[in-house]
Amino acid sequence: MPNVLFICGKARKRSPTAAALAADQLGFETDFAGLSNDADERLGAEQIEWAEIIAVMEKRQLSRLKQQFGSDLKGKRILCLDVPDNYEFMQPELISLLTQKLRRVSTNSFKSGK
């Protein structure tokens, strides 16, 4: 199973929820981080090095990730889950949305390594 890193803005709601779900439902090794300077768990190069797959929540975060860590991303599979920032940590609606996204992505990208 791949090491999957989930990234959002502040690492308070979406990415920790996604990491917990992917670990619990899919058995993946997971971690999470945020791109904002005031993130609870600020993204570092060591997390990117550890990850085989990196999943960001929004397209703008993908852009920021590439700006901040472009050279560290070589050879990484990067996905955008398109999950807006309107949810609380472990909110049932967020869990439902992420469960759908993770199932679809796991059958196509996570397991095949695409």
Protein backbone atom coordinates (compact mmCIF):
# COMPACT_ATOMS: atom_id res chain seq x y z
CA MET A 1 0.00 0.00 0.00
CA PRO A 2 1.26 3.48 -0.83
CA ASN A 3 2.17 6.26 1.56
CA VAL A 4 -0.45 8.98 0.98
CA LEU A 5 -0.08 12.59 2.10
CA PHE A 6 -3.22 14.75 2.28
CA ILE A 7 -2.81 18.51 2.07
CA CYS A 8 -5.20 21.38 2.73
CA GLY A 9 -4.75 24.94 3.94
CA LYS A 10 -4.42 24.71 7.71
CA ALA A 11 -4.47 20.94 8.37
CA ARG A 12 -7.39 21.32 10.75
CA LYS A 13 -10.43 19.88 8.96
CA ARG A 14 -10.18 18.31 5.53
CA SER A 15 -6.70 16.78 5.39
CA PRO A 16 -6.80 15.17 8.86
CA THR A 17 -10.26 13.79 8.09
CA ALA A 18 -9.08 12.40 4.74
CA ALA A 19 -5.97 10.87 6.31
CA ALA A 20 -8.01 9.15 9.02
CA LEU A 21 -10.53 7.80 6.49
CA ALA A 22 -7.89 6.54 4.05
CA ALA A 23 -6.04 4.78 6.86
CA ASP A 24 -9.21 3.28 8.33
CA GLN A 25 -11.16 2.40 5.18
CA LEU A 26 -8.36 1.60 2.74
CA GLY A 27 -5.49 0.58 5.01
CA PHE A 28 -3.09 3.17 3.58
CA GLU A 29 -0.21 4.69 5.48
CA THR A 30 -1.26 8.34 5.70
CA ASP A 31 -0.13 11.72 6.90
CA PHE A 32 -1.55 15.23 6.56
CA ALA A 33 -0.30 18.79 6.47
CA GLY A 34 -1.26 22.34 5.58
CA LEU A 35 0.26 24.91 3.26
CA SER A 36 -0.60 28.01 5.29
CA ASN A 37 1.99 29.60 7.54
CA ASP A 38 -0.39 29.17 10.48
CA ALA A 39 -1.25 25.53 9.71
CA ASP A 40 -1.54 23.21 12.69
CA GLU A 41 0.84 20.81 10.92
CA ARG A 42 2.92 22.81 8.41
CA LEU A 43 4.01 20.87 5.32
CA GLY A 44 7.69 19.98 5.23
CA ALA A 45 10.03 18.47 2.67
CA GLU A 46 10.40 15.29 4.75
CA GLN A 47 6.66 14.60 4.40
CA ILE A 48 6.85 15.03 0.64
CA GLU A 49 9.85 12.71 0.50
CA TRP A 50 7.91 10.07 2.51
CA ALA A 51 4.81 10.26 0.30
CA GLU A 52 4.27 8.25 -2.85
CA ILE A 53 0.94 9.97 -3.51
CA ILE A 54 0.03 13.52 -2.57
CA ALA A 55 -3.64 14.55 -2.53
CA VAL A 56 -4.56 18.22 -2.27
CA MET A 57 -8.09 19.38 -1.54
CA GLU A 58 -8.30 22.28 -4.03
CA LYS A 59 -6.69 23.40 -7.29
CA ARG A 60 -5.30 26.54 -5.68
CA GLN A 61 -3.49 24.36 -3.15
CA LEU A 62 -2.00 22.37 -6.01
CA SER A 63 -0.61 25.61 -7.41
CA ARG A 64 0.78 26.65 -4.00
CA LEU A 65 2.29 23.21 -3.49
CA LYS A 66 4.13 23.46 -6.80
CA GLN A 67 5.33 26.99 -6.01
CA GLN A 68 6.59 26.10 -2.54
CA PHE A 69 7.95 22.59 -3.14
CA GLY A 70 8.29 22.22 -6.92
CA SER A 71 11.70 20.55 -6.97
CA ASP A 72 10.69 18.09 -4.20
CA LEU A 73 7.67 16.85 -6.19
CA LYS A 74 9.58 15.08 -8.94
CA GLY A 75 8.30 11.53 -9.39
CA LYS A 76 5.32 12.03 -7.05
CA ARG A 77 1.74 11.23 -8.03
CA ILE A 78 -0.29 14.34 -7.24
CA LEU A 79 -4.08 14.39 -7.16
CA CYS A 80 -6.64 17.11 -6.60
CA LEU A 81 -9.73 15.88 -4.75
CA ASP A 82 -11.78 19.08 -5.32
CA VAL A 83 -13.12 19.27 -1.76
CA PRO A 84 -14.17 22.82 -0.80
CA ASP A 85 -13.38 24.35 2.57
CA ASN A 86 -16.94 24.34 3.96
CA TYR A 87 -16.72 21.50 6.44
CA GLU A 88 -15.66 20.85 10.00
CA PHE A 89 -13.30 18.09 11.10
CA MET A 90 -15.06 14.71 10.76
CA GLN A 91 -18.34 16.38 9.76
CA PRO A 92 -20.64 13.65 8.39
CA GLU A 93 -21.04 15.43 5.04
CA LEU A 94 -17.25 15.72 4.70
CA ILE A 95 -16.84 12.04 5.56
CA SER A 96 -19.43 11.11 2.94
CA LEU A 97 -17.81 13.26 0.24
CA LEU A 98 -14.29 12.06 1.02
CA THR A 99 -15.42 8.43 1.15
CA GLN A 100 -16.80 8.76 -2.39
CA LYS A 101 -13.67 10.51 -3.65
CA LEU A 102 -11.31 8.05 -1.97
CA ARG A 103 -13.16 5.01 -3.35
CA ARG A 104 -13.04 6.37 -6.87
CA VAL A 105 -9.43 7.46 -6.60
CA SER A 106 -8.30 4.26 -4.89
CA THR A 107 -9.54 2.06 -7.69
CA ASN A 108 -7.96 4.23 -10.37
CA SER A 109 -4.90 5.91 -8.99
CA PHE A 110 -3.79 4.74 -5.56
CA LYS A 111 -3.60 1.03 -6.31
CA SER A 112 -2.31 1.33 -9.85
CA GLY A 113 0.29 3.94 -8.98
CA LYS A 114 -0.76 6.13 -11.92
